[in-house]
Amino acid sequence: MKTGILAIALLVASSVYGQVGQDLKNAGKDTKDAAATGAKKTAKGTKKAAKATGHGVKKGTHKVADKVADKTDTAK
């Protein structure tokens, strides 16, 4: 009787151990996927921000240049 109970306990334990191992493997893959997705979204956001900043700087530079040109115009 004790041998039968021990065999059942070992069978259940090995089944649980296998499931835990698979869960850990899946968690590692999910973490890797999340990190890759985060990196891609960060790169996209950074690129978008850099483009907007470039446009803003260009617009501001032209605006300042126009004001300076108006004050230094000697053709009047």
PDB file of N, CA and C in Angstrom:
ATOM      1  N   MET A   1       0.816  -1.193   0.000  1.00  0.00           N
ATOM      2  CA  MET A   1       0.000   0.000   0.000  1.00  0.00           C
ATOM      3  C   MET A   1       0.861   1.258   0.000  1.00  0.00           C
ATOM      4  N   LYS A   2       1.920   1.248   0.849  1.00  0.00           N
ATOM      5  CA  LYS A   2       2.791   2.414   0.923  1.00  0.00           C
ATOM      6  C   LYS A   2       3.499   2.642  -0.409  1.00  0.00           C
ATOM      7  N   THR A   3       3.861   1.585  -1.082  1.00  0.00           N
ATOM      8  CA  THR A   3       4.539   1.699  -2.363  1.00  0.00           C
ATOM      9  C   THR A   3       3.618   2.325  -3.407  1.00  0.00           C
ATOM     10  N   GLY A   4       2.352   1.946  -3.374  1.00  0.00           N
ATOM     11  CA  GLY A   4       1.376   2.513  -4.317  1.00  0.00           C
ATOM     12  C   GLY A   4       1.166   3.999  -4.084  1.00  0.00           C
ATOM     13  N   ILE A   5       1.086   4.398  -2.839  1.00  0.00           N
ATOM     14  CA  ILE A   5       0.901   5.816  -2.507  1.00  0.00           C
ATOM     15  C   ILE A   5       2.142   6.612  -2.910  1.00  0.00           C
ATOM     16  N   LEU A   6       3.316   6.049  -2.651  1.00  0.00           N
ATOM     17  CA  LEU A   6       4.567   6.698  -3.013  1.00  0.00           C
ATOM     18  C   LEU A   6       4.672   6.855  -4.539  1.00  0.00           C
ATOM     19  N   ALA A   7       4.277   5.839  -5.269  1.00  0.00           N
ATOM     20  CA  ALA A   7       4.317   5.896  -6.735  1.00  0.00           C
ATOM     21  C   ALA A   7       3.377   6.981  -7.260  1.00  0.00           C
ATOM     22  N   ILE A   8       2.193   7.060  -6.678  1.00  0.00           N
ATOM     23  CA  ILE A   8       1.232   8.094  -7.097  1.00  0.00           C
ATOM     24  C   ILE A   8       1.774   9.477  -6.761  1.00  0.00           C
ATOM     25  N   ALA A   9       2.372   9.632  -5.583  1.00  0.00           N
ATOM     26  CA  ALA A   9       2.930  10.929  -5.170  1.00  0.00           C
ATOM     27  C   ALA A   9       4.055  11.352  -6.118  1.00  0.00           C
ATOM     28  N   LEU A  10       4.914  10.411  -6.482  1.00  0.00           N
ATOM     29  CA  LEU A  10       6.006  10.729  -7.413  1.00  0.00           C
ATOM     30  C   LEU A  10       5.477  11.098  -8.798  1.00  0.00           C
ATOM     31  N   LEU A  11       4.448  10.415  -9.232  1.00  0.00           N
ATOM     32  CA  LEU A  11       3.841  10.706 -10.530  1.00  0.00           C
ATOM     33  C   LEU A  11       3.251  12.111 -10.556  1.00  0.00           C
ATOM     34  N   VAL A  12       2.528  12.469  -9.488  1.00  0.00           N
ATOM     35  CA  VAL A  12       1.928  13.802  -9.387  1.00  0.00           C
ATOM     36  C   VAL A  12       3.026  14.871  -9.319  1.00  0.00           C
ATOM     37  N   ALA A  13       4.062  14.601  -8.512  1.00  0.00           N
ATOM     38  CA  ALA A  13       5.157  15.569  -8.360  1.00  0.00           C
ATOM     39  C   ALA A  13       5.873  15.806  -9.683  1.00  0.00           C
ATOM     40  N   SER A  14       6.125  14.756 -10.439  1.00  0.00           N
ATOM     41  CA  SER A  14       6.827  14.917 -11.719  1.00  0.00           C
ATOM     42  C   SER A  14       5.945  15.661 -12.724  1.00  0.00           C
ATOM     43  N   SER A  15       4.663  15.459 -12.657  1.00  0.00           N
ATOM     44  CA  SER A  15       3.735  16.164 -13.537  1.00  0.00           C
ATOM     45  C   SER A  15       3.731  17.661 -13.224  1.00  0.00           C
ATOM     46  N   VAL A  16       3.671  17.986 -11.935  1.00  0.00           N
ATOM     47  CA  VAL A  16       3.682  19.385 -11.504  1.00  0.00           C
ATOM     48  C   VAL A  16       5.017  20.033 -11.874  1.00  0.00           C
ATOM     49  N   TYR A  17       6.113  19.329 -11.668  1.00  0.00           N
ATOM     50  CA  TYR A  17       7.442  19.842 -11.989  1.00  0.00           C
ATOM     51  C   TYR A  17       7.549  20.174 -13.481  1.00  0.00           C
ATOM     52  N   GLY A  18       7.024  19.285 -14.315  1.00  0.00           N
ATOM     53  CA  GLY A  18       7.059  19.528 -15.763  1.00  0.00           C
ATOM     54  C   GLY A  18       6.252  20.755 -16.147  1.00  0.00           C
ATOM     55  N   GLN A  19       5.106  20.953 -15.522  1.00  0.00           N
ATOM     56  CA  GLN A  19       4.260  22.117 -15.814  1.00  0.00           C
ATOM     57  C   GLN A  19       4.935  23.408 -15.362  1.00  0.00           C
ATOM     58  N   VAL A  20       5.566  23.379 -14.208  1.00  0.00           N
ATOM     59  CA  VAL A  20       6.275  24.559 -13.699  1.00  0.00           C
ATOM     60  C   VAL A  20       7.407  24.928 -14.644  1.00  0.00           C
ATOM     61  N   GLY A  21       8.131  23.930 -15.110  1.00  0.00           N
ATOM     62  CA  GLY A  21       9.220  24.184 -16.058  1.00  0.00           C
ATOM     63  C   GLY A  21       8.707  24.820 -17.338  1.00  0.00           C
ATOM     64  N   GLN A  22       7.601  24.344 -17.844  1.00  0.00           N
ATOM     65  CA  GLN A  22       7.021  24.910 -19.066  1.00  0.00           C
ATOM     66  C   GLN A  22       6.525  26.326 -18.824  1.00  0.00           C
ATOM     67  N   ASP A  23       5.926  26.561 -17.661  1.00  0.00           N
ATOM     68  CA  ASP A  23       5.458  27.906 -17.319  1.00  0.00           C
ATOM     69  C   ASP A  23       6.623  28.891 -17.259  1.00  0.00           C
ATOM     70  N   LEU A  24       7.733  28.462 -16.668  1.00  0.00           N
ATOM     71  CA  LEU A  24       8.916  29.328 -16.597  1.00  0.00           C
ATOM     72  C   LEU A  24       9.474  29.610 -17.987  1.00  0.00           C
ATOM     73  N   LYS A  25       9.474  28.607 -18.829  1.00  0.00           N
ATOM     74  CA  LYS A  25       9.958  28.781 -20.201  1.00  0.00           C
ATOM     75  C   LYS A  25       9.068  29.788 -20.942  1.00  0.00           C
ATOM     76  N   ASN A  26       7.760  29.655 -20.785  1.00  0.00           N
ATOM     77  CA  ASN A  26       6.823  30.587 -21.430  1.00  0.00           C
ATOM     78  C   ASN A  26       6.984  32.002 -20.882  1.00  0.00           C
ATOM     79  N   ALA A  27       7.210  32.119 -19.588  1.00  0.00           N
ATOM     80  CA  ALA A  27       7.398  33.443 -18.980  1.00  0.00           C
ATOM     81  C   ALA A  27       8.652  34.104 -19.535  1.00  0.00           C
ATOM     82  N   GLY A  28       9.692  33.347 -19.729  1.00  0.00           N
ATOM     83  CA  GLY A  28      10.926  33.889 -20.310  1.00  0.00           C
ATOM     84  C   GLY A  28      10.698  34.381 -21.729  1.00  0.00           C
ATOM     85  N   LYS A  29       9.949  33.623 -22.517  1.00  0.00           N
ATOM     86  CA  LYS A  29       9.655  34.035 -23.892  1.00  0.00           C
ATOM     87  C   LYS A  29       8.788  35.286 -23.909  1.00  0.00           C
ATOM     88  N   ASP A  30       7.801  35.343 -23.005  1.00  0.00           N
ATOM     89  CA  ASP A  30       6.938  36.526 -22.925  1.00  0.00           C
ATOM     90  C   ASP A  30       7.738  37.766 -22.544  1.00  0.00           C
ATOM     91  N   THR A  31       8.680  37.604 -21.622  1.00  0.00           N
ATOM     92  CA  THR A  31       9.520  38.727 -21.211  1.00  0.00           C
ATOM     93  C   THR A  31      10.377  39.205 -22.376  1.00  0.00           C
ATOM     94  N   LYS A  32      10.928  38.271 -23.118  1.00  0.00           N
ATOM     95  CA  LYS A  32      11.758  38.615 -24.278  1.00  0.00           C
ATOM     96  C   LYS A  32      10.924  39.370 -25.319  1.00  0.00           C
ATOM     97  N   ASP A  33       9.725  38.874 -25.583  1.00  0.00           N
ATOM     98  CA  ASP A  33       8.843  39.531 -26.554  1.00  0.00           C
ATOM     99  C   ASP A  33       8.456  40.931 -26.096  1.00  0.00           C
ATOM    100  N   ALA A  34       8.176  41.081 -24.808  1.00  0.00           N
ATOM    101  CA  ALA A  34       7.800  42.392 -24.271  1.00  0.00           C
ATOM    102  C   ALA A  34       8.962  43.377 -24.381  1.00  0.00           C
ATOM    103  N   ALA A  35      10.163  42.913 -24.127  1.00  0.00           N
ATOM    104  CA  ALA A  35      11.337  43.784 -24.229  1.00  0.00           C
ATOM    105  C   ALA A  35      11.550  44.224 -25.674  1.00  0.00           C
ATOM    106  N   ALA A  36      11.386  43.313 -26.606  1.00  0.00           N
ATOM    107  CA  ALA A  36      11.554  43.658 -28.020  1.00  0.00           C
ATOM    108  C   ALA A  36      10.489  44.651 -28.471  1.00  0.00           C
ATOM    109  N   THR A  37       9.258  44.443 -28.049  1.00  0.00           N
ATOM    110  CA  THR A  37       8.168  45.356 -28.402  1.00  0.00           C
ATOM    111  C   THR A  37       8.424  46.733 -27.809  1.00  0.00           C
ATOM    112  N   GLY A  38       8.846  46.780 -26.563  1.00  0.00           N
ATOM    113  CA  GLY A  38       9.154  48.052 -25.909  1.00  0.00           C
ATOM    114  C   GLY A  38      10.263  48.796 -26.624  1.00  0.00           C
ATOM    115  N   ALA A  39      11.288  48.073 -27.038  1.00  0.00           N
ATOM    116  CA  ALA A  39      12.407  48.700 -27.747  1.00  0.00           C
ATOM    117  C   ALA A  39      11.958  49.273 -29.084  1.00  0.00           C
ATOM    118  N   LYS A  40      11.119  48.545 -29.798  1.00  0.00           N
ATOM    119  CA  LYS A  40      10.635  49.033 -31.093  1.00  0.00           C
ATOM    120  C   LYS A  40       9.773  50.280 -30.919  1.00  0.00           C
ATOM    121  N   LYS A  41       8.909  50.283 -29.915  1.00  0.00           N
ATOM    122  CA  LYS A  41       8.039  51.439 -29.685  1.00  0.00           C
ATOM    123  C   LYS A  41       8.854  52.648 -29.234  1.00  0.00           C
ATOM    124  N   THR A  42       9.882  52.412 -28.434  1.00  0.00           N
ATOM    125  CA  THR A  42      10.747  53.506 -27.997  1.00  0.00           C
ATOM    126  C   THR A  42      11.483  54.106 -29.185  1.00  0.00           C
ATOM    127  N   ALA A  43      11.990  53.263 -30.057  1.00  0.00           N
ATOM    128  CA  ALA A  43      12.698  53.749 -31.238  1.00  0.00           C
ATOM    129  C   ALA A  43      11.766  54.559 -32.134  1.00  0.00           C
ATOM    130  N   LYS A  44      10.550  54.080 -32.306  1.00  0.00           N
ATOM    131  CA  LYS A  44       9.582  54.788 -33.132  1.00  0.00           C
ATOM    132  C   LYS A  44       9.247  56.150 -32.524  1.00  0.00           C
ATOM    133  N   GLY A  45       9.023  56.185 -31.214  1.00  0.00           N
ATOM    134  CA  GLY A  45       8.704  57.442 -30.533  1.00  0.00           C
ATOM    135  C   GLY A  45       9.854  58.424 -30.588  1.00  0.00           C
ATOM    136  N   THR A  46      11.073  57.927 -30.423  1.00  0.00           N
ATOM    137  CA  THR A  46      12.254  58.785 -30.476  1.00  0.00           C
ATOM    138  C   THR A  46      12.423  59.379 -31.869  1.00  0.00           C
ATOM    139  N   LYS A  47      12.208  58.564 -32.878  1.00  0.00           N
ATOM    140  CA  LYS A  47      12.328  59.040 -34.257  1.00  0.00           C
ATOM    141  C   LYS A  47      11.281  60.124 -34.536  1.00  0.00           C
ATOM    142  N   LYS A  48      10.067  59.898 -34.067  1.00  0.00           N
ATOM    143  CA  LYS A  48       8.990  60.860 -34.271  1.00  0.00           C
ATOM    144  C   LYS A  48       9.313  62.175 -33.561  1.00  0.00           C
ATOM    145  N   ALA A  49       9.804  62.086 -32.332  1.00  0.00           N
ATOM    146  CA  ALA A  49      10.145  63.287 -31.559  1.00  0.00           C
ATOM    147  C   ALA A  49      11.292  64.048 -32.216  1.00  0.00           C
ATOM    148  N   ALA A  50      12.290  63.331 -32.711  1.00  0.00           N
ATOM    149  CA  ALA A  50      13.431  63.980 -33.363  1.00  0.00           C
ATOM    150  C   ALA A  50      12.984  64.710 -34.623  1.00  0.00           C
ATOM    151  N   LYS A  51      12.079  64.101 -35.366  1.00  0.00           N
ATOM    152  CA  LYS A  51      11.574  64.724 -36.591  1.00  0.00           C
ATOM    153  C   LYS A  51      10.797  65.998 -36.255  1.00  0.00           C
ATOM    154  N   ALA A  52       9.948  65.934 -35.239  1.00  0.00           N
ATOM    155  CA  ALA A  52       9.161  67.101 -34.830  1.00  0.00           C
ATOM    156  C   ALA A  52      10.071  68.208 -34.313  1.00  0.00           C
ATOM    157  N   THR A  53      11.093  67.840 -33.570  1.00  0.00           N
ATOM    158  CA  THR A  53      12.043  68.827 -33.053  1.00  0.00           C
ATOM    159  C   THR A  53      12.783  69.502 -34.203  1.00  0.00           C
ATOM    160  N   GLY A  54      13.187  68.714 -35.172  1.00  0.00           N
ATOM    161  CA  GLY A  54      13.877  69.278 -36.346  1.00  0.00           C
ATOM    162  C   GLY A  54      13.007  70.274 -37.083  1.00  0.00           C
ATOM    163  N   HIS A  55      11.737  69.940 -37.253  1.00  0.00           N
ATOM    164  CA  HIS A  55      10.815  70.862 -37.931  1.00  0.00           C
ATOM    165  C   HIS A  55      10.636  72.142 -37.110  1.00  0.00           C
ATOM    166  N   GLY A  56      10.526  72.001 -35.798  1.00  0.00           N
ATOM    167  CA  GLY A  56      10.359  73.160 -34.932  1.00  0.00           C
ATOM    168  C   GLY A  56      11.572  74.079 -34.968  1.00  0.00           C
ATOM    169  N   VAL A  57      12.755  73.493 -34.937  1.00  0.00           N
ATOM    170  CA  VAL A  57      13.986  74.289 -34.990  1.00  0.00           C
ATOM    171  C   VAL A  57      14.086  75.023 -36.329  1.00  0.00           C
ATOM    172  N   LYS A  58      13.778  74.322 -37.390  1.00  0.00           N
ATOM    173  CA  LYS A  58      13.842  74.930 -38.722  1.00  0.00           C
ATOM    174  C   LYS A  58      12.861  76.098 -38.819  1.00  0.00           C
ATOM    175  N   LYS A  59      11.651  75.898 -38.341  1.00  0.00           N
ATOM    176  CA  LYS A  59      10.631  76.943 -38.385  1.00  0.00           C
ATOM    177  C   LYS A  59      11.061  78.141 -37.539  1.00  0.00           C
ATOM    178  N   GLY A  60      11.572  77.880 -36.348  1.00  0.00           N
ATOM    179  CA  GLY A  60      12.033  78.956 -35.474  1.00  0.00           C
ATOM    180  C   GLY A  60      13.199  79.714 -36.063  1.00  0.00           C
ATOM    181  N   THR A  61      14.110  79.009 -36.689  1.00  0.00           N
ATOM    182  CA  THR A  61      15.280  79.648 -37.307  1.00  0.00           C
ATOM    183  C   THR A  61      14.839  80.578 -38.428  1.00  0.00           C
ATOM    184  N   HIS A  62      13.917  80.128 -39.233  1.00  0.00           N
ATOM    185  CA  HIS A  62      13.422  80.973 -40.327  1.00  0.00           C
ATOM    186  C   HIS A  62      12.697  82.203 -39.780  1.00  0.00           C
ATOM    187  N   LYS A  63      11.953  82.023 -38.720  1.00  0.00           N
ATOM    188  CA  LYS A  63      11.208  83.125 -38.120  1.00  0.00           C
ATOM    189  C   LYS A  63      12.178  84.191 -37.590  1.00  0.00           C
ATOM    190  N   VAL A  64      13.215  83.746 -36.901  1.00  0.00           N
ATOM    191  CA  VAL A  64      14.222  84.675 -36.375  1.00  0.00           C
ATOM    192  C   VAL A  64      14.965  85.345 -37.516  1.00  0.00           C
ATOM    193  N   ALA A  65      15.322  84.592 -38.527  1.00  0.00           N
ATOM    194  CA  ALA A  65      16.042  85.162 -39.670  1.00  0.00           C
ATOM    195  C   ALA A  65      15.200  86.236 -40.354  1.00  0.00           C
ATOM    196  N   ASP A  66      13.915  86.022 -40.478  1.00  0.00           N
ATOM    197  CA  ASP A  66      13.033  87.021 -41.090  1.00  0.00           C
ATOM    198  C   ASP A  66      12.985  88.292 -40.249  1.00  0.00           C
ATOM    199  N   LYS A  67      12.922  88.175 -38.933  1.00  0.00           N
ATOM    200  CA  LYS A  67      12.884  89.346 -38.058  1.00  0.00           C
ATOM    201  C   LYS A  67      14.198  90.121 -38.129  1.00  0.00           C
ATOM    202  N   VAL A  68      15.300  89.392 -38.147  1.00  0.00           N
ATOM    203  CA  VAL A  68      16.609  90.053 -38.241  1.00  0.00           C
ATOM    204  C   VAL A  68      16.740  90.735 -39.596  1.00  0.00           C
ATOM    205  N   ALA A  69      16.285  90.094 -40.642  1.00  0.00           N
ATOM    206  CA  ALA A  69      16.376  90.672 -41.983  1.00  0.00           C
ATOM    207  C   ALA A  69      15.552  91.951 -42.071  1.00  0.00           C
ATOM    208  N   ASP A  70      14.412  91.998 -41.416  1.00  0.00           N
ATOM    209  CA  ASP A  70      13.551  93.188 -41.424  1.00  0.00           C
ATOM    210  C   ASP A  70      14.258  94.354 -40.733  1.00  0.00           C
ATOM    211  N   LYS A  71      15.016  94.098 -39.693  1.00  0.00           N
ATOM    212  CA  LYS A  71      15.698  95.157 -38.935  1.00  0.00           C
ATOM    213  C   LYS A  71      16.994  95.607 -39.590  1.00  0.00           C
ATOM    214  N   THR A  72      17.594  94.769 -40.396  1.00  0.00           N
ATOM    215  CA  THR A  72      18.867  95.107 -41.020  1.00  0.00           C
ATOM    216  C   THR A  72      18.737  95.445 -42.492  1.00  0.00           C
ATOM    217  N   ASP A  73      17.520  95.561 -42.967  1.00  0.00           N
ATOM    218  CA  ASP A  73      17.300  95.841 -44.385  1.00  0.00           C
ATOM    219  C   ASP A  73      17.702  97.301 -44.668  1.00  0.00           C
ATOM    220  N   THR A  74      18.706  97.517 -45.516  1.00  0.00           N
ATOM    221  CA  THR A  74      19.201  98.860 -45.832  1.00  0.00           C
ATOM    222  C   THR A  74      18.599  99.392 -47.129  1.00  0.00           C
ATOM    223  N   ALA A  75      17.758  98.642 -47.743  1.00  0.00           N
ATOM    224  CA  ALA A  75      17.165  99.062 -49.025  1.00  0.00           C
ATOM    225  C   ALA A  75      16.073 100.088 -48.833  1.00  0.00           C
ATOM    226  N   LYS A  76      15.618 100.333 -47.638  1.00  0.00           N
ATOM    227  CA  LYS A  76      14.504 101.250 -47.379  1.00  0.00           C
ATOM    228  C   LYS A  76      14.885 102.685 -47.566  1.00  0.00           C
TER     229      LYS A  76
END
